[in-house]
mmCIF file of all heavy atoms, coordinates in Angstrom:
data_MODEL
# 
_entry.id   MODEL 
# 
loop_
_atom_site.group_PDB 
_atom_site.id 
_atom_site.type_symbol 
_atom_site.label_atom_id 
_atom_site.label_alt_id 
_atom_site.label_comp_id 
_atom_site.label_asym_id 
_atom_site.label_entity_id 
_atom_site.label_seq_id 
_atom_site.pdbx_PDB_ins_code 
_atom_site.Cartn_x 
_atom_site.Cartn_y 
_atom_site.Cartn_z 
_atom_site.occupancy 
_atom_site.B_iso_or_equiv 
_atom_site.pdbx_formal_charge 
_atom_site.auth_seq_id 
_atom_site.auth_comp_id 
_atom_site.auth_asym_id 
_atom_site.auth_atom_id 
_atom_site.pdbx_PDB_model_num 
ATOM 1   N N   . ASP A 1 1  ? -9.679  -23.319 0.178  1.00 0.00 ? 1  ASP A N   1 
ATOM 2   C CA  . ASP A 1 1  ? -10.925 -23.634 0.905  1.00 0.00 ? 1  ASP A CA  1 
ATOM 3   C C   . ASP A 1 1  ? -11.938 -22.531 0.741  1.00 0.00 ? 1  ASP A C   1 
ATOM 4   O O   . ASP A 1 1  ? -13.121 -22.703 1.120  1.00 0.00 ? 1  ASP A O   1 
ATOM 5   C CB  . ASP A 1 1  ? -10.642 -23.830 2.394  1.00 0.00 ? 1  ASP A CB  1 
ATOM 6   C CG  . ASP A 1 1  ? -9.935  -25.163 2.693  1.00 0.00 ? 1  ASP A CG  1 
ATOM 7   O OD1 . ASP A 1 1  ? -9.884  -26.013 1.771  1.00 0.00 ? 1  ASP A OD1 1 
ATOM 8   O OD2 . ASP A 1 1  ? -9.431  -25.347 3.807  1.00 0.00 ? 1  ASP A OD2 1 
ATOM 9   N N   . PHE A 1 2  ? -11.511 -21.334 0.232  1.00 0.00 ? 2  PHE A N   1 
ATOM 10  C CA  . PHE A 1 2  ? -12.406 -20.194 0.164  1.00 0.00 ? 2  PHE A CA  1 
ATOM 11  C C   . PHE A 1 2  ? -12.802 -19.901 -1.294 1.00 0.00 ? 2  PHE A C   1 
ATOM 12  O O   . PHE A 1 2  ? -13.308 -18.817 -1.597 1.00 0.00 ? 2  PHE A O   1 
ATOM 13  C CB  . PHE A 1 2  ? -11.799 -18.964 0.784  1.00 0.00 ? 2  PHE A CB  1 
ATOM 14  C CG  . PHE A 1 2  ? -11.423 -19.179 2.218  1.00 0.00 ? 2  PHE A CG  1 
ATOM 15  C CD1 . PHE A 1 2  ? -10.155 -19.578 2.613  1.00 0.00 ? 2  PHE A CD1 1 
ATOM 16  C CD2 . PHE A 1 2  ? -12.404 -19.012 3.220  1.00 0.00 ? 2  PHE A CD2 1 
ATOM 17  C CE1 . PHE A 1 2  ? -9.868  -19.806 3.952  1.00 0.00 ? 2  PHE A CE1 1 
ATOM 18  C CE2 . PHE A 1 2  ? -12.108 -19.229 4.530  1.00 0.00 ? 2  PHE A CE2 1 
ATOM 19  C CZ  . PHE A 1 2  ? -10.840 -19.627 4.929  1.00 0.00 ? 2  PHE A CZ  1 
ATOM 20  N N   . GLN A 1 3  ? -12.603 -20.870 -2.158 1.00 0.00 ? 3  GLN A N   1 
ATOM 21  C CA  . GLN A 1 3  ? -12.996 -20.724 -3.576 1.00 0.00 ? 3  GLN A CA  1 
ATOM 22  C C   . GLN A 1 3  ? -14.409 -21.303 -3.760 1.00 0.00 ? 3  GLN A C   1 
ATOM 23  O O   . GLN A 1 3  ? -14.809 -22.147 -2.994 1.00 0.00 ? 3  GLN A O   1 
ATOM 24  C CB  . GLN A 1 3  ? -11.976 -21.414 -4.474 1.00 0.00 ? 3  GLN A CB  1 
ATOM 25  C CG  . GLN A 1 3  ? -10.585 -20.875 -4.389 1.00 0.00 ? 3  GLN A CG  1 
ATOM 26  C CD  . GLN A 1 3  ? -10.477 -19.428 -4.826 1.00 0.00 ? 3  GLN A CD  1 
ATOM 27  O OE1 . GLN A 1 3  ? -11.290 -18.952 -5.618 1.00 0.00 ? 3  GLN A OE1 1 
ATOM 28  N NE2 . GLN A 1 3  ? -9.492  -18.720 -4.326 1.00 0.00 ? 3  GLN A NE2 1 
ATOM 29  N N   . PRO A 1 4  ? -15.159 -20.861 -4.737 1.00 0.00 ? 4  PRO A N   1 
ATOM 30  C CA  . PRO A 1 4  ? -14.827 -19.876 -5.759 1.00 0.00 ? 4  PRO A CA  1 
ATOM 31  C C   . PRO A 1 4  ? -14.757 -18.472 -5.170 1.00 0.00 ? 4  PRO A C   1 
ATOM 32  O O   . PRO A 1 4  ? -15.182 -18.257 -4.041 1.00 0.00 ? 4  PRO A O   1 
ATOM 33  C CB  . PRO A 1 4  ? -16.008 -20.002 -6.770 1.00 0.00 ? 4  PRO A CB  1 
ATOM 34  C CG  . PRO A 1 4  ? -17.142 -20.468 -5.931 1.00 0.00 ? 4  PRO A CG  1 
ATOM 35  C CD  . PRO A 1 4  ? -16.527 -21.396 -4.906 1.00 0.00 ? 4  PRO A CD  1 
ATOM 36  N N   . PRO A 1 5  ? -14.238 -17.527 -5.943 1.00 0.00 ? 5  PRO A N   1 
ATOM 37  C CA  . PRO A 1 5  ? -14.107 -16.141 -5.417 1.00 0.00 ? 5  PRO A CA  1 
ATOM 38  C C   . PRO A 1 5  ? -15.451 -15.593 -4.944 1.00 0.00 ? 5  PRO A C   1 
ATOM 39  O O   . PRO A 1 5  ? -16.485 -15.824 -5.596 1.00 0.00 ? 5  PRO A O   1 
ATOM 40  C CB  . PRO A 1 5  ? -13.591 -15.362 -6.617 1.00 0.00 ? 5  PRO A CB  1 
ATOM 41  C CG  . PRO A 1 5  ? -12.883 -16.382 -7.475 1.00 0.00 ? 5  PRO A CG  1 
ATOM 42  C CD  . PRO A 1 5  ? -13.722 -17.626 -7.322 1.00 0.00 ? 5  PRO A CD  1 
ATOM 43  N N   . PRO A 1 6  ? -15.469 -14.851 -3.841 1.00 0.00 ? 6  PRO A N   1 
ATOM 44  C CA  . PRO A 1 6  ? -16.717 -14.252 -3.369 1.00 0.00 ? 6  PRO A CA  1 
ATOM 45  C C   . PRO A 1 6  ? -17.112 -13.074 -4.208 1.00 0.00 ? 6  PRO A C   1 
ATOM 46  O O   . PRO A 1 6  ? -16.324 -12.538 -5.019 1.00 0.00 ? 6  PRO A O   1 
ATOM 47  C CB  . PRO A 1 6  ? -16.366 -13.817 -1.934 1.00 0.00 ? 6  PRO A CB  1 
ATOM 48  C CG  . PRO A 1 6  ? -14.892 -13.534 -1.987 1.00 0.00 ? 6  PRO A CG  1 
ATOM 49  C CD  . PRO A 1 6  ? -14.319 -14.533 -2.977 1.00 0.00 ? 6  PRO A CD  1 
ATOM 50  N N   . ASP A 1 7  ? -18.389 -12.663 -4.064 1.00 0.00 ? 7  ASP A N   1 
ATOM 51  C CA  . ASP A 1 7  ? -18.839 -11.460 -4.748 1.00 0.00 ? 7  ASP A CA  1 
ATOM 52  C C   . ASP A 1 7  ? -18.221 -10.194 -4.122 1.00 0.00 ? 7  ASP A C   1 
ATOM 53  O O   . ASP A 1 7  ? -17.870 -9.253  -4.817 1.00 0.00 ? 7  ASP A O   1 
ATOM 54  C CB  . ASP A 1 7  ? -20.371 -11.338 -4.604 1.00 0.00 ? 7  ASP A CB  1 
ATOM 55  C CG  . ASP A 1 7  ? -21.083 -12.497 -5.278 1.00 0.00 ? 7  ASP A CG  1 
ATOM 56  O OD1 . ASP A 1 7  ? -20.846 -12.724 -6.480 1.00 0.00 ? 7  ASP A OD1 1 
ATOM 57  O OD2 . ASP A 1 7  ? -21.833 -13.205 -4.592 1.00 0.00 ? 7  ASP A OD2 1 
ATOM 58  N N   . TYR A 1 8  ? -18.039 -10.243 -2.778 1.00 0.00 ? 8  TYR A N   1 
ATOM 59  C CA  . TYR A 1 8  ? -17.484 -9.110  -2.073 1.00 0.00 ? 8  TYR A CA  1 
ATOM 60  C C   . TYR A 1 8  ? -16.431 -9.610  -1.071 1.00 0.00 ? 8  TYR A C   1 
ATOM 61  O O   . TYR A 1 8  ? -16.611 -10.625 -0.403 1.00 0.00 ? 8  TYR A O   1 
ATOM 62  C CB  . TYR A 1 8  ? -18.526 -8.338  -1.301 1.00 0.00 ? 8  TYR A CB  1 
ATOM 63  C CG  . TYR A 1 8  ? -19.574 -7.670  -2.118 1.00 0.00 ? 8  TYR A CG  1 
ATOM 64  C CD1 . TYR A 1 8  ? -20.786 -8.271  -2.367 1.00 0.00 ? 8  TYR A CD1 1 
ATOM 65  C CD2 . TYR A 1 8  ? -19.336 -6.373  -2.634 1.00 0.00 ? 8  TYR A CD2 1 
ATOM 66  C CE1 . TYR A 1 8  ? -21.763 -7.647  -3.143 1.00 0.00 ? 8  TYR A CE1 1 
ATOM 67  C CE2 . TYR A 1 8  ? -20.303 -5.744  -3.412 1.00 0.00 ? 8  TYR A CE2 1 
ATOM 68  C CZ  . TYR A 1 8  ? -21.519 -6.404  -3.667 1.00 0.00 ? 8  TYR A CZ  1 
ATOM 69  O OH  . TYR A 1 8  ? -22.482 -5.748  -4.375 1.00 0.00 ? 8  TYR A OH  1 
ATOM 70  N N   . ILE A 1 9  ? -15.386 -8.810  -0.930 1.00 0.00 ? 9  ILE A N   1 
ATOM 71  C CA  . ILE A 1 9  ? -14.415 -8.955  0.174  1.00 0.00 ? 9  ILE A CA  1 
ATOM 72  C C   . ILE A 1 9  ? -14.477 -7.658  0.968  1.00 0.00 ? 9  ILE A C   1 
ATOM 73  O O   . ILE A 1 9  ? -14.435 -6.561  0.433  1.00 0.00 ? 9  ILE A O   1 
ATOM 74  C CB  . ILE A 1 9  ? -12.981 -9.211  -0.340 1.00 0.00 ? 9  ILE A CB  1 
ATOM 75  C CG1 . ILE A 1 9  ? -12.946 -10.585 -1.065 1.00 0.00 ? 9  ILE A CG1 1 
ATOM 76  C CG2 . ILE A 1 9  ? -11.996 -9.163  0.822  1.00 0.00 ? 9  ILE A CG2 1 
ATOM 77  C CD1 . ILE A 1 9  ? -11.627 -10.877 -1.723 1.00 0.00 ? 9  ILE A CD1 1 
ATOM 78  N N   . LEU A 1 10 ? -14.608 -7.794  2.300  1.00 0.00 ? 10 LEU A N   1 
ATOM 79  C CA  . LEU A 1 10 ? -14.671 -6.652  3.189  1.00 0.00 ? 10 LEU A CA  1 
ATOM 80  C C   . LEU A 1 10 ? -13.416 -6.548  4.021  1.00 0.00 ? 10 LEU A C   1 
ATOM 81  O O   . LEU A 1 10 ? -12.906 -7.574  4.527  1.00 0.00 ? 10 LEU A O   1 
ATOM 82  C CB  . LEU A 1 10 ? -15.905 -6.768  4.112  1.00 0.00 ? 10 LEU A CB  1 
ATOM 83  C CG  . LEU A 1 10 ? -17.249 -6.982  3.446  1.00 0.00 ? 10 LEU A CG  1 
ATOM 84  C CD1 . LEU A 1 10 ? -18.325 -7.190  4.460  1.00 0.00 ? 10 LEU A CD1 1 
ATOM 85  C CD2 . LEU A 1 10 ? -17.601 -5.849  2.520  1.00 0.00 ? 10 LEU A CD2 1 
ATOM 86  N N   . MET A 1 11 ? -12.896 -5.353  4.191  1.00 0.00 ? 11 MET A N   1 
ATOM 87  C CA  . MET A 1 11 ? -11.690 -5.115  4.993  1.00 0.00 ? 11 MET A CA  1 
ATOM 88  C C   . MET A 1 11 ? -11.848 -3.815  5.749  1.00 0.00 ? 11 MET A C   1 
ATOM 89  O O   . MET A 1 11 ? -12.163 -2.771  5.147  1.00 0.00 ? 11 MET A O   1 
ATOM 90  C CB  . MET A 1 11 ? -10.453 -4.989  4.096  1.00 0.00 ? 11 MET A CB  1 
ATOM 91  C CG  . MET A 1 11 ? -10.118 -6.190  3.256  1.00 0.00 ? 11 MET A CG  1 
ATOM 92  S SD  . MET A 1 11 ? -8.897  -5.802  1.969  1.00 0.00 ? 11 MET A SD  1 
ATOM 93  C CE  . MET A 1 11 ? -7.580  -5.078  2.955  1.00 0.00 ? 11 MET A CE  1 
ATOM 94  N N   . ALA A 1 12 ? -11.666 -3.875  7.048  1.00 0.00 ? 12 ALA A N   1 
ATOM 95  C CA  . ALA A 1 12 ? -11.722 -2.634  7.864  1.00 0.00 ? 12 ALA A CA  1 
ATOM 96  C C   . ALA A 1 12 ? -10.473 -2.546  8.739  1.00 0.00 ? 12 ALA A C   1 
ATOM 97  O O   . ALA A 1 12 ? -10.214 -3.414  9.543  1.00 0.00 ? 12 ALA A O   1 
ATOM 98  C CB  . ALA A 1 12 ? -12.974 -2.607  8.744  1.00 0.00 ? 12 ALA A CB  1 
ATOM 99  N N   . ASP A 1 13 ? -9.728  -1.493  8.543  1.00 0.00 ? 13 ASP A N   1 
ATOM 100 C CA  . ASP A 1 13 ? -8.487  -1.234  9.303  1.00 0.00 ? 13 ASP A CA  1 
ATOM 101 C C   . ASP A 1 13 ? -7.559  -2.418  9.284  1.00 0.00 ? 13 ASP A C   1 
ATOM 102 O O   . ASP A 1 13 ? -7.084  -2.922  10.306 1.00 0.00 ? 13 ASP A O   1 
ATOM 103 C CB  . ASP A 1 13 ? -8.815  -0.821  10.743 1.00 0.00 ? 13 ASP A CB  1 
ATOM 104 C CG  . ASP A 1 13 ? -8.524  0.663   10.969 1.00 0.00 ? 13 ASP A CG  1 
ATOM 105 O OD1 . ASP A 1 13 ? -7.897  1.322   10.093 1.00 0.00 ? 13 ASP A OD1 1 
ATOM 106 O OD2 . ASP A 1 13 ? -8.900  1.193   12.054 1.00 0.00 ? 13 ASP A OD2 1 
ATOM 107 N N   . CYS A 1 14 ? -7.197  -2.853  8.075  1.00 0.00 ? 14 CYS A N   1 
ATOM 108 C CA  . CYS A 1 14 ? -6.263  -3.986  7.898  1.00 0.00 ? 14 CYS A CA  1 
ATOM 109 C C   . CYS A 1 14 ? -4.869  -3.512  7.518  1.00 0.00 ? 14 CYS A C   1 
ATOM 110 O O   . CYS A 1 14 ? -3.998  -4.344  7.265  1.00 0.00 ? 14 CYS A O   1 
ATOM 111 C CB  . CYS A 1 14 ? -6.766  -4.934  6.876  1.00 0.00 ? 14 CYS A CB  1 
ATOM 112 S SG  . CYS A 1 14 ? -8.218  -5.887  7.402  1.00 0.00 ? 14 CYS A SG  1 
ATOM 113 N N   . ILE A 1 15 ? -4.652  -2.167  7.416  1.00 0.00 ? 15 ILE A N   1 
ATOM 114 C CA  . ILE A 1 15 ? -3.375  -1.670  6.926  1.00 0.00 ? 15 ILE A CA  1 
ATOM 115 C C   . ILE A 1 15 ? -2.619  -1.028  8.105  1.00 0.00 ? 15 ILE A C   1 
ATOM 116 O O   . ILE A 1 15 ? -2.822  0.132   8.410  1.00 0.00 ? 15 ILE A O   1 
ATOM 117 C CB  . ILE A 1 15 ? -3.589  -0.607  5.846  1.00 0.00 ? 15 ILE A CB  1 
ATOM 118 C CG1 . ILE A 1 15 ? -4.641  -1.036  4.797  1.00 0.00 ? 15 ILE A CG1 1 
ATOM 119 C CG2 . ILE A 1 15 ? -2.288  -0.250  5.169  1.00 0.00 ? 15 ILE A CG2 1 
ATOM 120 C CD1 . ILE A 1 15 ? -5.130  0.091   3.952  1.00 0.00 ? 15 ILE A CD1 1 
ATOM 121 N N   . TYR A 1 16 ? -1.827  -1.813  8.833  1.00 0.00 ? 16 TYR A N   1 
ATOM 122 C CA  . TYR A 1 16 ? -1.105  -1.154  9.910  1.00 0.00 ? 16 TYR A CA  1 
ATOM 123 C C   . TYR A 1 16 ? 0.229   -1.841  10.240 1.00 0.00 ? 16 TYR A C   1 
ATOM 124 O O   . TYR A 1 16 ? 1.062   -1.238  10.828 1.00 0.00 ? 16 TYR A O   1 
ATOM 125 C CB  . TYR A 1 16 ? -1.949  -1.133  11.207 1.00 0.00 ? 16 TYR A CB  1 
ATOM 126 C CG  . TYR A 1 16 ? -2.652  -2.416  11.548 1.00 0.00 ? 16 TYR A CG  1 
ATOM 127 C CD1 . TYR A 1 16 ? -2.035  -3.436  12.229 1.00 0.00 ? 16 TYR A CD1 1 
ATOM 128 C CD2 . TYR A 1 16 ? -3.990  -2.611  11.162 1.00 0.00 ? 16 TYR A CD2 1 
ATOM 129 C CE1 . TYR A 1 16 ? -2.662  -4.620  12.531 1.00 0.00 ? 16 TYR A CE1 1 
ATOM 130 C CE2 . TYR A 1 16 ? -4.646  -3.800  11.471 1.00 0.00 ? 16 TYR A CE2 1 
ATOM 131 C CZ  . TYR A 1 16 ? -3.975  -4.773  12.135 1.00 0.00 ? 16 TYR A CZ  1 
ATOM 132 O OH  . TYR A 1 16 ? -4.636  -5.962  12.430 1.00 0.00 ? 16 TYR A OH  1 
ATOM 133 N N   . TYR A 1 17 ? 0.454   -3.068  9.775  1.00 0.00 ? 17 TYR A N   1 
ATOM 134 C CA  . TYR A 1 17 ? 1.738   -3.762  10.000 1.00 0.00 ? 17 TYR A CA  1 
ATOM 135 C C   . TYR A 1 17 ? 2.498   -3.841  8.689  1.00 0.00 ? 17 TYR A C   1 
ATOM 136 O O   . TYR A 1 17 ? 1.954   -4.398  7.711  1.00 0.00 ? 17 TYR A O   1 
ATOM 137 C CB  . TYR A 1 17 ? 1.552   -5.153  10.537 1.00 0.00 ? 17 TYR A CB  1 
ATOM 138 C CG  . TYR A 1 17 ? 1.069   -5.211  11.977 1.00 0.00 ? 17 TYR A CG  1 
ATOM 139 C CD1 . TYR A 1 17 ? 0.094   -6.098  12.340 1.00 0.00 ? 17 TYR A CD1 1 
ATOM 140 C CD2 . TYR A 1 17 ? 1.601   -4.367  12.952 1.00 0.00 ? 17 TYR A CD2 1 
ATOM 141 C CE1 . TYR A 1 17 ? -0.351  -6.195  13.668 1.00 0.00 ? 17 TYR A CE1 1 
ATOM 142 C CE2 . TYR A 1 17 ? 1.169   -4.436  14.250 1.00 0.00 ? 17 TYR A CE2 1 
ATOM 143 C CZ  . TYR A 1 17 ? 0.195   -5.347  14.610 1.00 0.00 ? 17 TYR A CZ  1 
ATOM 144 O OH  . TYR A 1 17 ? -0.248  -5.398  15.907 1.00 0.00 ? 17 TYR A OH  1 
ATOM 145 N N   . GLU A 1 18 ? 3.694   -3.275  8.638  1.00 0.00 ? 18 GLU A N   1 
ATOM 146 C CA  . GLU A 1 18 ? 4.461   -3.348  7.382  1.00 0.00 ? 18 GLU A CA  1 
ATOM 147 C C   . GLU A 1 18 ? 4.673   -4.753  6.898  1.00 0.00 ? 18 GLU A C   1 
ATOM 148 O O   . GLU A 1 18 ? 4.554   -5.087  5.725  1.00 0.00 ? 18 GLU A O   1 
ATOM 149 C CB  . GLU A 1 18 ? 5.808   -2.625  7.577  1.00 0.00 ? 18 GLU A CB  1 
ATOM 150 C CG  . GLU A 1 18 ? 6.572   -2.388  6.317  1.00 0.00 ? 18 GLU A CG  1 
ATOM 151 C CD  . GLU A 1 18 ? 7.756   -1.458  6.519  1.00 0.00 ? 18 GLU A CD  1 
ATOM 152 O OE1 . GLU A 1 18 ? 8.090   -1.167  7.677  1.00 0.00 ? 18 GLU A OE1 1 
ATOM 153 O OE2 . GLU A 1 18 ? 8.316   -1.011  5.523  1.00 0.00 ? 18 GLU A OE2 1 
ATOM 154 N N   . GLU A 1 19 ? 4.982   -5.670  7.879  1.00 0.00 ? 19 GLU A N   1 
ATOM 155 C CA  . GLU A 1 19 ? 5.250   -7.054  7.519  1.00 0.00 ? 19 GLU A CA  1 
ATOM 156 C C   . GLU A 1 19 ? 4.048   -7.820  7.018  1.00 0.00 ? 19 GLU A C   1 
ATOM 157 O O   . GLU A 1 19 ? 4.162   -8.893  6.415  1.00 0.00 ? 19 GLU A O   1 
ATOM 158 C CB  . GLU A 1 19 ? 5.915   -7.810  8.661  1.00 0.00 ? 19 GLU A CB  1 
ATOM 159 C CG  . GLU A 1 19 ? 5.091   -7.831  9.944  1.00 0.00 ? 19 GLU A CG  1 
ATOM 160 C CD  . GLU A 1 19 ? 5.354   -6.659  10.842 1.00 0.00 ? 19 GLU A CD  1 
ATOM 161 O OE1 . GLU A 1 19 ? 5.829   -5.600  10.394 1.00 0.00 ? 19 GLU A OE1 1 
ATOM 162 O OE2 . GLU A 1 19 ? 5.097   -6.769  12.069 1.00 0.00 ? 19 GLU A OE2 1 
ATOM 163 N N   . SER A 1 20 ? 2.848   -7.253  7.221  1.00 0.00 ? 20 SER A N   1 
ATOM 164 C CA  . SER A 1 20 ? 1.645   -7.949  6.754  1.00 0.00 ? 20 SER A CA  1 
ATOM 165 C C   . SER A 1 20 ? 1.209   -7.524  5.365  1.00 0.00 ? 20 SER A C   1 
ATOM 166 O O   . SER A 1 20 ? 0.310   -8.155  4.787  1.00 0.00 ? 20 SER A O   1 
ATOM 167 C CB  . SER A 1 20 ? 0.499   -7.670  7.730  1.00 0.00 ? 20 SER A CB  1 
ATOM 168 O OG  . SER A 1 20 ? 0.014   -6.333  7.595  1.00 0.00 ? 20 SER A OG  1 
ATOM 169 N N   . LEU A 1 21 ? 1.820   -6.510  4.793  1.00 0.00 ? 21 LEU A N   1 
ATOM 170 C CA  . LEU A 1 21 ? 1.351   -5.991  3.484  1.00 0.00 ? 21 LEU A CA  1 
ATOM 171 C C   . LEU A 1 21 ? 1.462   -7.012  2.378  1.00 0.00 ? 21 LEU A C   1 
ATOM 172 O O   . LEU A 1 21 ? 0.510   -7.268  1.644  1.00 0.00 ? 21 LEU A O   1 
ATOM 173 C CB  . LEU A 1 21 ? 2.129   -4.746  3.095  1.00 0.00 ? 21 LEU A CB  1 
ATOM 174 C CG  . LEU A 1 21 ? 1.971   -3.522  3.982  1.00 0.00 ? 21 LEU A CG  1 
ATOM 175 C CD1 . LEU A 1 21 ? 2.698   -2.323  3.374  1.00 0.00 ? 21 LEU A CD1 1 
ATOM 176 C CD2 . LEU A 1 21 ? 0.515   -3.165  4.186  1.00 0.00 ? 21 LEU A CD2 1 
ATOM 177 N N   . GLU A 1 22 ? 2.633   -7.644  2.223  1.00 0.00 ? 22 GLU A N   1 
ATOM 178 C CA  . GLU A 1 22 ? 2.805   -8.638  1.156  1.00 0.00 ? 22 GLU A CA  1 
ATOM 179 C C   . GLU A 1 22 ? 1.887   -9.852  1.317  1.00 0.00 ? 22 GLU A C   1 
ATOM 180 O O   . GLU A 1 22 ? 1.240   -10.251 0.360  1.00 0.00 ? 22 GLU A O   1 
ATOM 181 C CB  . GLU A 1 22 ? 4.279   -9.063  1.075  1.00 0.00 ? 22 GLU A CB  1 
ATOM 182 C CG  . GLU A 1 22 ? 5.250   -7.992  0.632  1.00 0.00 ? 22 GLU A CG  1 
ATOM 183 C CD  . GLU A 1 22 ? 5.243   -7.785  -0.883 1.00 0.00 ? 22 GLU A CD  1 
ATOM 184 O OE1 . GLU A 1 22 ? 4.408   -8.391  -1.577 1.00 0.00 ? 22 GLU A OE1 1 
ATOM 185 O OE2 . GLU A 1 22 ? 6.068   -6.982  -1.370 1.00 0.00 ? 22 GLU A OE2 1 
ATOM 186 N N   . PRO A 1 23 ? 1.795   -10.435 2.558  1.00 0.00 ? 23 PRO A N   1 
ATOM 187 C CA  . PRO A 1 23 ? 0.867   -11.555 2.705  1.00 0.00 ? 23 PRO A CA  1 
ATOM 188 C C   . PRO A 1 23 ? -0.593  -11.132 2.422  1.00 0.00 ? 23 PRO A C   1 
ATOM 189 O O   . PRO A 1 23 ? -1.365  -11.883 1.798  1.00 0.00 ? 23 PRO A O   1 
ATOM 190 C CB  . PRO A 1 23 ? 1.025   -11.974 4.138  1.00 0.00 ? 23 PRO A CB  1 
ATOM 191 C CG  . PRO A 1 23 ? 2.401   -11.499 4.525  1.00 0.00 ? 23 PRO A CG  1 
ATOM 192 C CD  . PRO A 1 23 ? 2.607   -10.272 3.731  1.00 0.00 ? 23 PRO A CD  1 
ATOM 193 N N   . LEU A 1 24 ? -0.975  -9.945  2.838  1.00 0.00 ? 24 LEU A N   1 
ATOM 194 C CA  . LEU A 1 24 ? -2.362  -9.450  2.603  1.00 0.00 ? 24 LEU A CA  1 
ATOM 195 C C   . LEU A 1 24 ? -2.604  -9.324  1.102  1.00 0.00 ? 24 LEU A C   1 
ATOM 196 O O   . LEU A 1 24 ? -3.665  -9.771  0.597  1.00 0.00 ? 24 LEU A O   1 
ATOM 197 C CB  . LEU A 1 24 ? -2.585  -8.146  3.302  1.00 0.00 ? 24 LEU A CB  1 
ATOM 198 C CG  . LEU A 1 24 ? -3.923  -7.428  3.037  1.00 0.00 ? 24 LEU A CG  1 
ATOM 199 C CD1 . LEU A 1 24 ? -5.099  -8.281  3.373  1.00 0.00 ? 24 LEU A CD1 1 
ATOM 200 C CD2 . LEU A 1 24 ? -3.974  -6.091  3.805  1.00 0.00 ? 24 LEU A CD2 1 
ATOM 201 N N   . LEU A 1 25 ? -1.673  -8.728  0.369  1.00 0.00 ? 25 LEU A N   1 
ATOM 202 C CA  . LEU A 1 25 ? -1.897  -8.542  -1.071 1.00 0.00 ? 25 LEU A CA  1 
ATOM 203 C C   . LEU A 1 25 ? -1.883  -9.890  -1.795 1.00 0.00 ? 25 LEU A C   1 
ATOM 204 O O   . LEU A 1 25 ? -2.623  -10.064 -2.740 1.00 0.00 ? 25 LEU A O   1 
ATOM 205 C CB  . LEU A 1 25 ? -0.764  -7.648  -1.602 1.00 0.00 ? 25 LEU A CB  1 
ATOM 206 C CG  . LEU A 1 25 ? -0.912  -6.174  -1.175 1.00 0.00 ? 25 LEU A CG  1 
ATOM 207 C CD1 . LEU A 1 25 ? 0.404   -5.421  -1.323 1.00 0.00 ? 25 LEU A CD1 1 
ATOM 208 C CD2 . LEU A 1 25 ? -1.998  -5.505  -1.946 1.00 0.00 ? 25 LEU A CD2 1 
ATOM 209 N N   . LYS A 1 26 ? -1.048  -10.850 -1.351 1.00 0.00 ? 26 LYS A N   1 
ATOM 210 C CA  . LYS A 1 26 ? -1.069  -12.187 -1.933 1.00 0.00 ? 26 LYS A CA  1 
ATOM 211 C C   . LYS A 1 26 ? -2.460  -12.819 -1.760 1.00 0.00 ? 26 LYS A C   1 
ATOM 212 O O   . LYS A 1 26 ? -3.029  -13.402 -2.692 1.00 0.00 ? 26 LYS A O   1 
ATOM 213 C CB  . LYS A 1 26 ? -0.012  -13.063 -1.257 1.00 0.00 ? 26 LYS A CB  1 
ATOM 214 C CG  . LYS A 1 26 ? 0.018   -14.489 -1.758 1.00 0.00 ? 26 LYS A CG  1 
ATOM 215 C CD  . LYS A 1 26 ? 1.142   -15.276 -1.112 1.00 0.00 ? 26 LYS A CD  1 
ATOM 216 C CE  . LYS A 1 26 ? 1.296   -16.703 -1.632 1.00 0.00 ? 26 LYS A CE  1 
ATOM 217 N NZ  . LYS A 1 26 ? 0.175   -17.579 -1.197 1.00 0.00 ? 26 LYS A NZ  1 
ATOM 218 N N   . THR A 1 27 ? -2.998  -12.666 -0.538 1.00 0.00 ? 27 THR A N   1 
ATOM 219 C CA  . THR A 1 27 ? -4.345  -13.243 -0.255 1.00 0.00 ? 27 THR A CA  1 
ATOM 220 C C   . THR A 1 27 ? -5.369  -12.581 -1.130 1.00 0.00 ? 27 THR A C   1 
ATOM 221 O O   . THR A 1 27 ? -6.290  -13.215 -1.681 1.00 0.00 ? 27 THR A O   1 
ATOM 222 C CB  . THR A 1 27 ? -4.652  -13.100 1.248  1.00 0.00 ? 27 THR A CB  1 
ATOM 223 O OG1 . THR A 1 27 ? -3.766  -13.933 1.977  1.00 0.00 ? 27 THR A OG1 1 
ATOM 224 C CG2 . THR A 1 27 ? -6.092  -13.514 1.532  1.00 0.00 ? 27 THR A CG2 1 
ATOM 225 N N   . LEU A 1 28 ? -5.315  -11.241 -1.248 1.00 0.00 ? 28 LEU A N   1 
ATOM 226 C CA  . LEU A 1 28 ? -6.291  -10.508 -2.113 1.00 0.00 ? 28 LEU A CA  1 
ATOM 227 C C   . LEU A 1 28 ? -6.177  -10.980 -3.556 1.00 0.00 ? 28 LEU A C   1 
ATOM 228 O O   . LEU A 1 28 ? -7.240  -11.175 -4.196 1.00 0.00 ? 28 LEU A O   1 
ATOM 229 C CB  . LEU A 1 28 ? -6.021  -9.003  -2.025 1.00 0.00 ? 28 LEU A CB  1 
ATOM 230 C CG  . LEU A 1 28 ? -6.691  -8.223  -0.921 1.00 0.00 ? 28 LEU A CG  1 
ATOM 231 C CD1 . LEU A 1 28 ? -6.283  -6.769  -1.000 1.00 0.00 ? 28 LEU A CD1 1 
ATOM 232 C CD2 . LEU A 1 28 ? -8.191  -8.383  -0.930 1.00 0.00 ? 28 LEU A CD2 1 
ATOM 233 N N   . ARG A 1 29 ? -5.008  -11.108 -4.074 1.00 0.00 ? 29 ARG A N   1 
ATOM 234 C CA  . ARG A 1 29 ? -4.830  -11.552 -5.462 1.00 0.00 ? 29 ARG A CA  1 
ATOM 235 C C   . ARG A 1 29 ? -5.465  -12.940 -5.672 1.00 0.00 ? 29 ARG A C   1 
ATOM 236 O O   . ARG A 1 29 ? -6.094  -13.182 -6.697 1.00 0.00 ? 29 ARG A O   1 
ATOM 237 C CB  . ARG A 1 29 ? -3.365  -11.596 -5.857 1.00 0.00 ? 29 ARG A CB  1 
ATOM 238 C CG  . ARG A 1 29 ? -2.718  -10.213 -6.097 1.00 0.00 ? 29 ARG A CG  1 
ATOM 239 C CD  . ARG A 1 29 ? -1.380  -10.331 -6.765 1.00 0.00 ? 29 ARG A CD  1 
ATOM 240 N NE  . ARG A 1 29 ? -0.389  -10.996 -5.927 1.00 0.00 ? 29 ARG A NE  1 
ATOM 241 C CZ  . ARG A 1 29 ? 0.414   -10.389 -5.075 1.00 0.00 ? 29 ARG A CZ  1 
ATOM 242 N NH1 . ARG A 1 29 ? 0.355   -9.071  -4.914 1.00 0.00 ? 29 ARG A NH1 1 
ATOM 243 N NH2 . ARG A 1 29 ? 1.281   -11.076 -4.356 1.00 0.00 ? 29 ARG A NH2 1 
# 
C-alpha cells in the first residue's frame, strides 16, 4: 500500500527493541 518507493524515509529513535530489528530492516528493504 506504500508503493511506489518514497523519495525519503524518515526515522527518529527507532533502534531500541532487539526483537524489532529484523522486522524494521525487512520494511526498509
